[in-house]
PDB file of N, CA and C in Angstrom:
ATOM      1  N   MET A   1       1.230  35.405  -2.026  1.00  0.00           N
ATOM      2  CA  MET A   1       1.203  33.883  -2.356  1.00  0.00           C
ATOM      3  C   MET A   1       1.041  33.052  -0.926  1.00  0.00           C
ATOM      4  N   GLU A   2       0.487  32.258  -0.109  1.00  0.00           N
ATOM      5  CA  GLU A   2       0.792  32.151   1.080  1.00  0.00           C
ATOM      6  C   GLU A   2       1.536  30.242   0.683  1.00  0.00           C
ATOM      7  N   PRO A   3       2.678  29.823   1.583  1.00  0.00           N
ATOM      8  CA  PRO A   3       2.864  28.751   1.199  1.00  0.00           C
ATOM      9  C   PRO A   3       2.149  27.579   1.901  1.00  0.00           C
ATOM     10  N   VAL A   4       1.564  26.726   1.026  1.00  0.00           N
ATOM     11  CA  VAL A   4       1.107  25.094   1.827  1.00  0.00           C
ATOM     12  C   VAL A   4       1.645  24.785   2.276  1.00  0.00           C
ATOM     13  N   PRO A   5       1.022  24.696   3.822  1.00  0.00           N
ATOM     14  CA  PRO A   5       1.380  23.477   4.573  1.00  0.00           C
ATOM     15  C   PRO A   5       1.454  22.183   4.164  1.00  0.00           C
ATOM     16  N   ARG A   6       2.790  21.850   4.492  1.00  0.00           N
ATOM     17  CA  ARG A   6       3.371  20.272   4.318  1.00  0.00           C
ATOM     18  C   ARG A   6       3.364  19.496   5.609  1.00  0.00           C
ATOM     19  N   SER A   7       2.702  18.481   5.097  1.00  0.00           N
ATOM     20  CA  SER A   7       2.453  17.200   6.185  1.00  0.00           C
ATOM     21  C   SER A   7       2.489  15.760   6.034  1.00  0.00           C
ATOM     22  N   ILE A   8       3.079  15.295   6.809  1.00  0.00           N
ATOM     23  CA  ILE A   8       2.800  13.793   6.641  1.00  0.00           C
ATOM     24  C   ILE A   8       2.049  13.488   7.743  1.00  0.00           C
ATOM     25  N   SER A   9       1.450  12.393   7.268  1.00  0.00           N
ATOM     26  CA  SER A   9       0.599  11.543   8.197  1.00  0.00           C
ATOM     27  C   SER A   9       0.332  10.095   8.459  1.00  0.00           C
ATOM     28  N   VAL A  10       0.674  10.003  10.014  1.00  0.00           N
ATOM     29  CA  VAL A  10       0.955   8.521  10.334  1.00  0.00           C
ATOM     30  C   VAL A  10       0.033   7.676  10.712  1.00  0.00           C
ATOM     31  N   HIS A  11      -0.030   6.171  10.196  1.00  0.00           N
ATOM     32  CA  HIS A  11      -0.951   5.937  10.869  1.00  0.00           C
ATOM     33  C   HIS A  11      -0.606   3.820  10.949  1.00  0.00           C
ATOM     34  N   ASN A  12      -0.656   3.687  12.084  1.00  0.00           N
ATOM     35  CA  ASN A  12      -0.476   2.278  11.835  1.00  0.00           C
ATOM     36  C   ASN A  12      -1.501   1.392  12.772  1.00  0.00           C
ATOM     37  N   PHE A  13      -1.451   0.212  12.196  1.00  0.00           N
ATOM     38  CA  PHE A  13      -2.963  -0.446  12.399  1.00  0.00           C
ATOM     39  C   PHE A  13      -2.041  -2.160  12.466  1.00  0.00           C
ATOM     40  N   ASN A  14      -3.090  -3.026  13.201  1.00  0.00           N
ATOM     41  CA  ASN A  14      -2.565  -4.618  13.427  1.00  0.00           C
ATOM     42  C   ASN A  14      -2.940  -5.051  13.720  1.00  0.00           C
ATOM     43  N   GLU A  15      -3.428  -6.361  12.439  1.00  0.00           N
ATOM     44  CA  GLU A  15      -4.612  -7.391  12.798  1.00  0.00           C
ATOM     45  C   GLU A  15      -4.095  -9.396  12.710  1.00  0.00           C
ATOM     46  N   ARG A  16      -5.025  -9.830  13.799  1.00  0.00           N
ATOM     47  CA  ARG A  16      -3.961 -11.089  13.759  1.00  0.00           C
ATOM     48  C   ARG A  16      -5.708 -11.761  12.760  1.00  0.00           C
ATOM     49  N   ILE A  17      -4.322 -11.936  11.416  1.00  0.00           N
ATOM     50  CA  ILE A  17      -4.720 -12.438  10.350  1.00  0.00           C
ATOM     51  C   ILE A  17      -3.921 -14.226  10.420  1.00  0.00           C
ATOM     52  N   SER A  18      -4.709 -15.557   9.983  1.00  0.00           N
ATOM     53  CA  SER A  18      -4.453 -16.545  10.147  1.00  0.00           C
ATOM     54  C   SER A  18      -3.089 -17.022  10.970  1.00  0.00           C
ATOM     55  N   GLU A  19      -3.363 -17.153  12.379  1.00  0.00           N
ATOM     56  CA  GLU A  19      -2.733 -16.904  13.344  1.00  0.00           C
ATOM     57  C   GLU A  19      -1.608 -15.945  13.408  1.00  0.00           C
ATOM     58  N   GLN A  20      -1.370 -15.306  12.593  1.00  0.00           N
ATOM     59  CA  GLN A  20      -0.538 -14.663  12.822  1.00  0.00           C
ATOM     60  C   GLN A  20      -0.403 -12.806  12.544  1.00  0.00           C
ATOM     61  N   THR A  21       0.365 -11.819  13.457  1.00  0.00           N
ATOM     62  CA  THR A  21      -0.193 -10.811  13.598  1.00  0.00           C
ATOM     63  C   THR A  21       0.363 -10.217  12.137  1.00  0.00           C
ATOM     64  N   VAL A  22       0.135  -9.605  11.754  1.00  0.00           N
ATOM     65  CA  VAL A  22       0.216  -8.705  10.132  1.00  0.00           C
ATOM     66  C   VAL A  22       0.239  -7.036  10.792  1.00  0.00           C
ATOM     67  N   HIS A  23       1.447  -6.627  10.703  1.00  0.00           N
ATOM     68  CA  HIS A  23       1.206  -4.959  10.734  1.00  0.00           C
ATOM     69  C   HIS A  23       1.344  -3.976   9.511  1.00  0.00           C
ATOM     70  N   PHE A  24       0.245  -3.126   9.883  1.00  0.00           N
ATOM     71  CA  PHE A  24       0.590  -2.112   8.874  1.00  0.00           C
ATOM     72  C   PHE A  24       0.658  -0.395   8.810  1.00  0.00           C
ATOM     73  N   HIS A  25       1.652  -0.083   8.153  1.00  0.00           N
ATOM     74  CA  HIS A  25       2.028   1.178   8.662  1.00  0.00           C
ATOM     75  C   HIS A  25       1.930   2.488   7.300  1.00  0.00           C
ATOM     76  N   VAL A  26       1.150   3.200   7.231  1.00  0.00           N
ATOM     77  CA  VAL A  26       0.682   4.143   6.330  1.00  0.00           C
ATOM     78  C   VAL A  26       1.293   5.323   6.825  1.00  0.00           C
ATOM     79  N   MET A  27       1.522   6.249   5.526  1.00  0.00           N
ATOM     80  CA  MET A  27       2.615   7.377   5.967  1.00  0.00           C
ATOM     81  C   MET A  27       1.436   8.316   4.034  1.00  0.00           C
ATOM     82  N   ALA A  28       0.834   8.979   4.679  1.00  0.00           N
ATOM     83  CA  ALA A  28      -0.235   9.922   3.833  1.00  0.00           C
ATOM     84  C   ALA A  28       0.775  11.270   4.043  1.00  0.00           C
ATOM     85  N   MET A  29       0.642  11.312   2.415  1.00  0.00           N
ATOM     86  CA  MET A  29       1.200  12.719   2.173  1.00  0.00           C
ATOM     87  C   MET A  29       0.350  13.718   1.428  1.00  0.00           C
ATOM     88  N   GLN A  30       0.563  14.921   0.695  1.00  0.00           N
ATOM     89  CA  GLN A  30      -0.332  15.275  -0.386  1.00  0.00           C
ATOM     90  C   GLN A  30      -0.412  14.639  -1.406  1.00  0.00           C
ATOM     91  N   ASP A  31      -1.769  14.392  -1.761  1.00  0.00           N
ATOM     92  CA  ASP A  31      -1.820  13.330  -3.139  1.00  0.00           C
ATOM     93  C   ASP A  31      -1.288  11.914  -3.591  1.00  0.00           C
ATOM     94  N   CYS A  32      -0.791  11.316  -2.712  1.00  0.00           N
ATOM     95  CA  CYS A  32       0.418  10.184  -2.243  1.00  0.00           C
ATOM     96  C   CYS A  32       0.320   9.814  -0.916  1.00  0.00           C
ATOM     97  N   PHE A  33       0.350   8.400  -0.755  1.00  0.00           N
ATOM     98  CA  PHE A  33       0.571   7.723   0.517  1.00  0.00           C
ATOM     99  C   PHE A  33       1.251   6.222   0.432  1.00  0.00           C
ATOM    100  N   PHE A  34       2.245   6.370   1.677  1.00  0.00           N
ATOM    101  CA  PHE A  34       2.907   5.289   1.688  1.00  0.00           C
ATOM    102  C   PHE A  34       2.307   3.999   2.487  1.00  0.00           C
ATOM    103  N   LEU A  35       1.985   2.720   1.667  1.00  0.00           N
ATOM    104  CA  LEU A  35       1.749   1.494   2.464  1.00  0.00           C
ATOM    105  C   LEU A  35       2.885   0.555   3.193  1.00  0.00           C
ATOM    106  N   TRP A  36       2.937  -0.016   3.928  1.00  0.00           N
ATOM    107  CA  TRP A  36       4.007  -1.255   4.392  1.00  0.00           C
ATOM    108  C   TRP A  36       3.029  -2.127   5.212  1.00  0.00           C
ATOM    109  N   VAL A  37       3.025  -3.020   4.742  1.00  0.00           N
ATOM    110  CA  VAL A  37       2.800  -4.527   5.309  1.00  0.00           C
ATOM    111  C   VAL A  37       3.688  -5.305   5.719  1.00  0.00           C
ATOM    112  N   GLY A  38       3.304  -6.162   6.346  1.00  0.00           N
ATOM    113  CA  GLY A  38       4.674  -7.022   6.930  1.00  0.00           C
ATOM    114  C   GLY A  38       4.103  -8.061   8.336  1.00  0.00           C
ATOM    115  N   ILE A  39       4.923  -8.653   8.878  1.00  0.00           N
ATOM    116  CA  ILE A  39       4.919 -10.094   9.677  1.00  0.00           C
ATOM    117  C   ILE A  39       6.386  -8.944  10.540  1.00  0.00           C
ATOM    118  N   SER A  40       7.186  -9.243  10.493  1.00  0.00           N
ATOM    119  CA  SER A  40       8.332  -8.679  10.657  1.00  0.00           C
ATOM    120  C   SER A  40       8.843  -7.597  10.162  1.00  0.00           C
ATOM    121  N   ALA A  41       9.401  -6.789  10.604  1.00  0.00           N
ATOM    122  CA  ALA A  41      10.657  -5.360  10.136  1.00  0.00           C
ATOM    123  C   ALA A  41      11.606  -5.797   9.320  1.00  0.00           C
ATOM    124  N   THR A  42      10.812  -6.277   8.113  1.00  0.00           N
ATOM    125  CA  THR A  42      11.844  -5.737   6.867  1.00  0.00           C
ATOM    126  C   THR A  42      10.977  -4.816   5.732  1.00  0.00           C
ATOM    127  N   LEU A  43      12.273  -4.661   5.303  1.00  0.00           N
ATOM    128  CA  LEU A  43      11.745  -3.818   3.448  1.00  0.00           C
ATOM    129  C   LEU A  43      11.970  -4.605   2.082  1.00  0.00           C
ATOM    130  N   SER A  44      11.484  -5.271   1.773  1.00  0.00           N
ATOM    131  CA  SER A  44      12.231  -6.529   0.975  1.00  0.00           C
ATOM    132  C   SER A  44      12.056  -5.855  -0.421  1.00  0.00           C
ATOM    133  N   SER A  45      10.397  -5.348  -0.618  1.00  0.00           N
ATOM    134  CA  SER A  45      10.198  -4.986  -2.198  1.00  0.00           C
ATOM    135  C   SER A  45       8.984  -3.968  -1.472  1.00  0.00           C
ATOM    136  N   MET A  46       8.921  -2.526  -2.106  1.00  0.00           N
ATOM    137  CA  MET A  46       8.589  -1.804  -2.546  1.00  0.00           C
ATOM    138  C   MET A  46       8.155  -1.257  -4.231  1.00  0.00           C
ATOM    139  N   ALA A  47       7.223  -0.829  -4.721  1.00  0.00           N
ATOM    140  CA  ALA A  47       6.557  -0.503  -5.812  1.00  0.00           C
ATOM    141  C   ALA A  47       5.867   0.783  -5.920  1.00  0.00           C
ATOM    142  N   VAL A  48       6.008   1.696  -6.968  1.00  0.00           N
ATOM    143  CA  VAL A  48       4.755   2.900  -7.403  1.00  0.00           C
ATOM    144  C   VAL A  48       4.056   2.860  -8.526  1.00  0.00           C
ATOM    145  N   ALA A  49       2.612   3.108  -8.188  1.00  0.00           N
ATOM    146  CA  ALA A  49       1.896   3.567  -8.954  1.00  0.00           C
ATOM    147  C   ALA A  49       1.148   4.585  -8.720  1.00  0.00           C
ATOM    148  N   MET A  50       0.580   4.893 -10.384  1.00  0.00           N
ATOM    149  CA  MET A  50       0.205   6.122 -10.493  1.00  0.00           C
ATOM    150  C   MET A  50      -0.996   6.446 -11.445  1.00  0.00           C
ATOM    151  N   CYS A  51      -2.485   6.531 -10.950  1.00  0.00           N
ATOM    152  CA  CYS A  51      -3.354   6.750 -12.543  1.00  0.00           C
ATOM    153  C   CYS A  51      -2.361   7.528 -13.411  1.00  0.00           C
ATOM    154  N   SER A  52      -3.181   7.001 -14.878  1.00  0.00           N
ATOM    155  CA  SER A  52      -2.658   8.019 -16.113  1.00  0.00           C
ATOM    156  C   SER A  52      -3.651   8.473 -16.799  1.00  0.00           C
ATOM    157  N   ARG A  53      -3.784   9.439 -17.630  1.00  0.00           N
ATOM    158  CA  ARG A  53      -5.090   9.794 -18.433  1.00  0.00           C
ATOM    159  C   ARG A  53      -4.944   9.251 -19.466  1.00  0.00           C
ATOM    160  N   PHE A  54      -3.763   8.142 -20.139  1.00  0.00           N
ATOM    161  CA  PHE A  54      -4.258   7.506 -21.343  1.00  0.00           C
ATOM    162  C   PHE A  54      -4.410   5.821 -20.978  1.00  0.00           C
ATOM    163  N   ASP A  55      -4.687   5.815 -19.609  1.00  0.00           N
ATOM    164  CA  ASP A  55      -4.732   3.955 -19.806  1.00  0.00           C
ATOM    165  C   ASP A  55      -5.303   4.110 -18.226  1.00  0.00           C
ATOM    166  N   THR A  56      -6.078   3.233 -18.368  1.00  0.00           N
ATOM    167  CA  THR A  56      -7.370   2.595 -17.442  1.00  0.00           C
ATOM    168  C   THR A  56      -6.193   1.987 -16.184  1.00  0.00           C
ATOM    169  N   VAL A  57      -5.300   1.282 -16.722  1.00  0.00           N
ATOM    170  CA  VAL A  57      -4.572   0.396 -15.672  1.00  0.00           C
ATOM    171  C   VAL A  57      -3.531   1.586 -15.379  1.00  0.00           C
ATOM    172  N   PRO A  58      -3.487   1.654 -13.396  1.00  0.00           N
ATOM    173  CA  PRO A  58      -2.564   2.713 -13.458  1.00  0.00           C
ATOM    174  C   PRO A  58      -0.959   2.248 -13.699  1.00  0.00           C
ATOM    175  N   LEU A  59       0.196   2.963 -14.117  1.00  0.00           N
ATOM    176  CA  LEU A  59       1.109   2.823 -14.033  1.00  0.00           C
ATOM    177  C   LEU A  59       2.265   2.208 -12.871  1.00  0.00           C
ATOM    178  N   SER A  60       2.871   0.989 -13.272  1.00  0.00           N
ATOM    179  CA  SER A  60       3.405   0.572 -11.977  1.00  0.00           C
ATOM    180  C   SER A  60       4.909   0.264 -12.542  1.00  0.00           C
ATOM    181  N   THR A  61       5.524   0.296 -11.226  1.00  0.00           N
ATOM    182  CA  THR A  61       7.418  -0.176 -11.302  1.00  0.00           C
ATOM    183  C   THR A  61       7.548  -0.362  -9.798  1.00  0.00           C
ATOM    184  N   LEU A  62       8.262  -1.364 -10.575  1.00  0.00           N
ATOM    185  CA  LEU A  62       8.684  -1.882  -8.802  1.00  0.00           C
ATOM    186  C   LEU A  62      10.292  -1.022  -8.747  1.00  0.00           C
ATOM    187  N   ILE A  63      10.948  -0.479  -7.250  1.00  0.00           N
ATOM    188  CA  ILE A  63      11.635   0.062  -7.260  1.00  0.00           C
ATOM    189  C   ILE A  63      12.547  -0.487  -6.255  1.00  0.00           C
ATOM    190  N   LEU A  64      12.577  -1.682  -5.196  1.00  0.00           N
ATOM    191  CA  LEU A  64      12.953  -2.531  -4.452  1.00  0.00           C
ATOM    192  C   LEU A  64      12.828  -3.741  -4.846  1.00  0.00           C
ATOM    193  N   GLY A  65      13.750  -4.780  -4.706  1.00  0.00           N
ATOM    194  CA  GLY A  65      13.319  -6.546  -4.622  1.00  0.00           C
ATOM    195  C   GLY A  65      13.010  -6.961  -5.913  1.00  0.00           C
ATOM    196  N   ASP A  66      13.035  -8.524  -5.668  1.00  0.00           N
ATOM    197  CA  ASP A  66      13.025  -9.391  -6.728  1.00  0.00           C
ATOM    198  C   ASP A  66      12.028  -9.184  -7.891  1.00  0.00           C
ATOM    199  N   LYS A  67      12.093  -9.319  -8.933  1.00  0.00           N
ATOM    200  CA  LYS A  67      11.315  -8.327 -10.010  1.00  0.00           C
ATOM    201  C   LYS A  67      10.297  -9.625 -10.551  1.00  0.00           C
ATOM    202  N   SER A  68      10.338 -10.915  -9.900  1.00  0.00           N
ATOM    203  CA  SER A  68       9.489 -12.134 -10.296  1.00  0.00           C
ATOM    204  C   SER A  68       8.193 -11.697  -8.737  1.00  0.00           C
ATOM    205  N   ASP A  69       8.637 -11.162  -8.032  1.00  0.00           N
ATOM    206  CA  ASP A  69       7.631 -10.949  -6.504  1.00  0.00           C
ATOM    207  C   ASP A  69       6.835  -9.591  -7.550  1.00  0.00           C
ATOM    208  N   THR A  70       5.255  -9.537  -7.752  1.00  0.00           N
ATOM    209  CA  THR A  70       4.970  -8.497  -8.682  1.00  0.00           C
ATOM    210  C   THR A  70       3.602  -8.143  -7.255  1.00  0.00           C
ATOM    211  N   THR A  71       3.958  -8.613  -5.929  1.00  0.00           N
ATOM    212  CA  THR A  71       2.837  -8.827  -5.289  1.00  0.00           C
ATOM    213  C   THR A  71       2.488  -7.186  -4.869  1.00  0.00           C
ATOM    214  N   SER A  72       3.953  -6.726  -4.122  1.00  0.00           N
ATOM    215  CA  SER A  72       3.686  -4.663  -4.398  1.00  0.00           C
ATOM    216  C   SER A  72       3.133  -4.027  -5.205  1.00  0.00           C
ATOM    217  N   CYS A  73       3.636  -4.699  -6.325  1.00  0.00           N
ATOM    218  CA  CYS A  73       3.231  -3.420  -8.052  1.00  0.00           C
ATOM    219  C   CYS A  73       1.266  -4.410  -7.812  1.00  0.00           C
ATOM    220  N   SER A  74       1.237  -4.548  -7.772  1.00  0.00           N
ATOM    221  CA  SER A  74      -0.258  -5.437  -8.098  1.00  0.00           C
ATOM    222  C   SER A  74      -1.189  -4.526  -7.018  1.00  0.00           C
ATOM    223  N   PHE A  75      -1.111  -4.567  -5.714  1.00  0.00           N
ATOM    224  CA  PHE A  75      -1.118  -4.032  -4.100  1.00  0.00           C
ATOM    225  C   PHE A  75      -1.461  -2.487  -4.836  1.00  0.00           C
ATOM    226  N   ALA A  76       0.379  -2.144  -4.967  1.00  0.00           N
ATOM    227  CA  ALA A  76      -0.186  -0.242  -5.681  1.00  0.00           C
ATOM    228  C   ALA A  76      -1.419   0.029  -6.668  1.00  0.00           C
ATOM    229  N   GLN A  77      -1.092  -0.965  -7.840  1.00  0.00           N
ATOM    230  CA  GLN A  77      -2.095  -0.594  -8.642  1.00  0.00           C
ATOM    231  C   GLN A  77      -3.459  -1.029  -8.141  1.00  0.00           C
ATOM    232  N   ARG A  78      -3.769  -1.714  -7.842  1.00  0.00           N
ATOM    233  CA  ARG A  78      -5.041  -1.207  -7.083  1.00  0.00           C
ATOM    234  C   ARG A  78      -5.434  -0.122  -5.911  1.00  0.00           C
ATOM    235  N   LEU A  79      -4.077   0.269  -5.098  1.00  0.00           N
ATOM    236  CA  LEU A  79      -4.855   1.196  -4.215  1.00  0.00           C
ATOM    237  C   LEU A  79      -4.991   2.454  -5.192  1.00  0.00           C
ATOM    238  N   ALA A  80      -3.972   2.568  -6.473  1.00  0.00           N
ATOM    239  CA  ALA A  80      -3.730   3.594  -6.885  1.00  0.00           C
ATOM    240  C   ALA A  80      -5.430   3.503  -7.601  1.00  0.00           C
ATOM    241  N   LYS A  81      -5.915   3.004  -8.125  1.00  0.00           N
ATOM    242  CA  LYS A  81      -7.216   3.246  -9.686  1.00  0.00           C
ATOM    243  C   LYS A  81      -8.406   3.508  -8.594  1.00  0.00           C
ATOM    244  N   LYS A  82      -7.978   2.381  -6.969  1.00  0.00           N
ATOM    245  CA  LYS A  82      -9.392   2.674  -5.919  1.00  0.00           C
ATOM    246  C   LYS A  82      -9.059   4.838  -5.241  1.00  0.00           C
ATOM    247  N   THR A  83      -7.930   5.227  -5.131  1.00  0.00           N
ATOM    248  CA  THR A  83      -8.114   6.317  -4.812  1.00  0.00           C
ATOM    249  C   THR A  83      -7.114   7.211  -5.646  1.00  0.00           C
ATOM    250  N   THR A  84      -6.698   7.464  -6.827  1.00  0.00           N
ATOM    251  CA  THR A  84      -6.748   8.190  -8.052  1.00  0.00           C
ATOM    252  C   THR A  84      -5.274   8.986  -7.487  1.00  0.00           C
ATOM    253  N   LYS A  85      -4.722   7.929  -5.980  1.00  0.00           N
ATOM    254  CA  LYS A  85      -3.514   8.741  -5.632  1.00  0.00           C
ATOM    255  C   LYS A  85      -1.966   8.348  -6.460  1.00  0.00           C
ATOM    256  N   GLN A  86      -1.049   8.577  -6.415  1.00  0.00           N
ATOM    257  CA  GLN A  86      -0.169   7.964  -6.474  1.00  0.00           C
ATOM    258  C   GLN A  86       0.154   7.571  -4.806  1.00  0.00           C
ATOM    259  N   VAL A  87       0.738   6.015  -5.194  1.00  0.00           N
ATOM    260  CA  VAL A  87       0.839   5.188  -3.906  1.00  0.00           C
ATOM    261  C   VAL A  87       2.272   4.585  -4.092  1.00  0.00           C
ATOM    262  N   PHE A  88       2.593   4.367  -2.844  1.00  0.00           N
ATOM    263  CA  PHE A  88       3.969   3.444  -3.242  1.00  0.00           C
ATOM    264  C   PHE A  88       3.551   2.329  -1.736  1.00  0.00           C
ATOM    265  N   ALA A  89       4.104   1.472  -2.297  1.00  0.00           N
ATOM    266  CA  ALA A  89       3.366   0.194  -1.463  1.00  0.00           C
ATOM    267  C   ALA A  89       4.429  -0.965  -0.916  1.00  0.00           C
ATOM    268  N   SER A  90       4.469  -1.332  -0.177  1.00  0.00           N
ATOM    269  CA  SER A  90       5.808  -2.580   0.290  1.00  0.00           C
ATOM    270  C   SER A  90       5.024  -3.849   1.280  1.00  0.00           C
ATOM    271  N   ILE A  91       4.867  -4.795   0.441  1.00  0.00           N
ATOM    272  CA  ILE A  91       4.078  -6.071   1.136  1.00  0.00           C
ATOM    273  C   ILE A  91       5.446  -6.810   1.283  1.00  0.00           C
ATOM    274  N   ASN A  92       5.163  -7.421   2.173  1.00  0.00           N
ATOM    275  CA  ASN A  92       6.550  -8.058   2.794  1.00  0.00           C
ATOM    276  C   ASN A  92       5.994  -9.160   3.812  1.00  0.00           C
ATOM    277  N   ILE A  93       4.734 -10.364   2.770  1.00  0.00           N
ATOM    278  CA  ILE A  93       4.507 -11.135   3.272  1.00  0.00           C
ATOM    279  C   ILE A  93       4.576 -12.171   2.438  1.00  0.00           C
ATOM    280  N   PRO A  94       4.692 -13.823   2.746  1.00  0.00           N
ATOM    281  CA  PRO A  94       5.454 -14.508   1.910  1.00  0.00           C
ATOM    282  C   PRO A  94       3.896 -14.946   0.855  1.00  0.00           C
ATOM    283  N   ASN A  95       4.633 -15.023  -0.292  1.00  0.00           N
ATOM    284  CA  ASN A  95       3.424 -15.122  -1.299  1.00  0.00           C
ATOM    285  C   ASN A  95       2.849 -16.042  -1.759  1.00  0.00           C
ATOM    286  N   ASN A  96       3.012 -17.230  -0.829  1.00  0.00           N
ATOM    287  CA  ASN A  96       2.927 -18.570  -0.954  1.00  0.00           C
ATOM    288  C   ASN A  96       1.148 -18.531  -0.421  1.00  0.00           C
ATOM    289  N   ASP A  97       0.694 -17.922   0.424  1.00  0.00           N
ATOM    290  CA  ASP A  97      -0.266 -17.852   0.767  1.00  0.00           C
ATOM    291  C   ASP A  97      -1.694 -16.928   0.308  1.00  0.00           C
ATOM    292  N   SER A  98      -2.202 -17.415  -1.082  1.00  0.00           N
ATOM    293  CA  SER A  98      -3.271 -16.558  -1.577  1.00  0.00           C
ATOM    294  C   SER A  98      -4.506 -15.983  -0.729  1.00  0.00           C
ATOM    295  N   GLN A  99      -4.854 -16.915   0.539  1.00  0.00           N
ATOM    296  CA  GLN A  99      -5.973 -16.525   1.201  1.00  0.00           C
ATOM    297  C   GLN A  99      -5.753 -15.368   2.364  1.00  0.00           C
ATOM    298  N   LEU A 100      -4.115 -15.362   2.799  1.00  0.00           N
ATOM    299  CA  LEU A 100      -3.459 -14.129   4.149  1.00  0.00           C
ATOM    300  C   LEU A 100      -3.604 -13.278   2.803  1.00  0.00           C
ATOM    301  N   MET A 101      -3.387 -13.244   1.409  1.00  0.00           N
ATOM    302  CA  MET A 101      -3.086 -11.977   1.221  1.00  0.00           C
ATOM    303  C   MET A 101      -4.805 -11.424   0.708  1.00  0.00           C
ATOM    304  N   LEU A 102      -5.435 -12.357   0.400  1.00  0.00           N
ATOM    305  CA  LEU A 102      -6.780 -11.814   0.289  1.00  0.00           C
ATOM    306  C   LEU A 102      -7.435 -11.279   1.702  1.00  0.00           C
ATOM    307  N   ARG A 103      -7.143 -11.774   2.389  1.00  0.00           N
ATOM    308  CA  ARG A 103      -7.611 -11.127   4.511  1.00  0.00           C
ATOM    309  C   ARG A 103      -7.104  -9.851   4.338  1.00  0.00           C
ATOM    310  N   ILE A 104      -5.643  -9.517   3.997  1.00  0.00           N
ATOM    311  CA  ILE A 104      -5.009  -8.345   4.126  1.00  0.00           C
ATOM    312  C   ILE A 104      -5.283  -7.898   3.029  1.00  0.00           C
ATOM    313  N   GLU A 105      -5.758  -7.556   1.907  1.00  0.00           N
ATOM    314  CA  GLU A 105      -6.404  -6.958   1.020  1.00  0.00           C
ATOM    315  C   GLU A 105      -7.884  -6.560   1.760  1.00  0.00           C
ATOM    316  N   LYS A 106      -9.167  -7.103   2.129  1.00  0.00           N
ATOM    317  CA  LYS A 106      -9.997  -6.632   2.866  1.00  0.00           C
ATOM    318  C   LYS A 106      -9.748  -5.972   4.124  1.00  0.00           C
ATOM    319  N   ARG A 107      -8.726  -6.105   4.906  1.00  0.00           N
ATOM    320  CA  ARG A 107      -8.448  -5.381   6.145  1.00  0.00           C
ATOM    321  C   ARG A 107      -8.167  -4.085   5.466  1.00  0.00           C
ATOM    322  N   ILE A 108      -7.153  -3.836   4.836  1.00  0.00           N
ATOM    323  CA  ILE A 108      -6.712  -2.843   4.487  1.00  0.00           C
ATOM    324  C   ILE A 108      -8.091  -1.937   3.726  1.00  0.00           C
ATOM    325  N   LYS A 109      -8.986  -2.645   2.591  1.00  0.00           N
ATOM    326  CA  LYS A 109     -10.419  -1.677   2.430  1.00  0.00           C
ATOM    327  C   LYS A 109     -10.554  -1.495   3.221  1.00  0.00           C
ATOM    328  N   GLU A 110     -11.161  -2.467   4.579  1.00  0.00           N
ATOM    329  CA  GLU A 110     -11.921  -1.651   5.679  1.00  0.00           C
ATOM    330  C   GLU A 110     -11.122  -0.371   6.763  1.00  0.00           C
ATOM    331  N   GLU A 111      -9.985  -0.073   6.631  1.00  0.00           N
ATOM    332  CA  GLU A 111      -9.047   0.183   7.111  1.00  0.00           C
ATOM    333  C   GLU A 111      -9.667   1.931   6.616  1.00  0.00           C
ATOM    334  N   MET A 112      -9.217   1.255   5.322  1.00  0.00           N
ATOM    335  CA  MET A 112      -9.534   2.684   4.525  1.00  0.00           C
ATOM    336  C   MET A 112     -10.806   3.347   4.266  1.00  0.00           C
ATOM    337  N   GLU A 113     -11.865   2.446   4.373  1.00  0.00           N
ATOM    338  CA  GLU A 113     -13.196   2.806   4.546  1.00  0.00           C
ATOM    339  C   GLU A 113     -13.899   3.722   5.710  1.00  0.00           C
ATOM    340  N   ALA A 114     -13.095   2.744   7.238  1.00  0.00           N
ATOM    341  CA  ALA A 114     -13.014   3.100   8.597  1.00  0.00           C
ATOM    342  C   ALA A 114     -12.227   5.094   8.416  1.00  0.00           C
ATOM    343  N   PHE A 115     -11.220   5.054   8.036  1.00  0.00           N
ATOM    344  CA  PHE A 115     -10.022   6.453   7.963  1.00  0.00           C
ATOM    345  C   PHE A 115      -9.995   6.695   6.789  1.00  0.00           C
ATOM    346  N   PRO A 116     -10.674   7.202   5.973  1.00  0.00           N
ATOM    347  CA  PRO A 116     -10.587   7.532   4.878  1.00  0.00           C
ATOM    348  C   PRO A 116      -9.028   9.007   4.362  1.00  0.00           C
ATOM    349  N   ASP A 117      -9.400   9.343   6.100  1.00  0.00           N
ATOM    350  CA  ASP A 117      -8.191  10.944   5.545  1.00  0.00           C
ATOM    351  C   ASP A 117      -6.737  10.208   6.041  1.00  0.00           C
ATOM    352  N   LYS A 118      -6.767   9.019   6.414  1.00  0.00           N
ATOM    353  CA  LYS A 118      -5.407   8.260   6.509  1.00  0.00           C
ATOM    354  C   LYS A 118      -4.877   8.133   5.322  1.00  0.00           C
ATOM    355  N   PHE A 119      -5.334   7.918   4.490  1.00  0.00           N
ATOM    356  CA  PHE A 119      -4.800   7.340   3.026  1.00  0.00           C
ATOM    357  C   PHE A 119      -4.587   8.308   1.841  1.00  0.00           C
TER     358      PHE A 119
END
């Protein structure tokens, strides 16, 4: 039996959204990926989500951060459902701007469509 080659693909992109430069960092592995989104270099929250055969809503949990901030969990769930992969998400954006969050999610969707192999 031949060993399966293991690798991590790294993909970075930036977007000017609402007069702020938002940075995106993706590390794709076999059957999962990690997505970090932020304006500055912080890791204040992180969640993981994965699909389950027992429910249509992916399972998720917060690994790091304030339990009252559900942004990373929500993103991870939506991405897990869309990709059927295990998703680690760290969304480090002030959550008081819903328009900014919608534009960030739209930008991630565009990047996933343009570079599906990076996710």
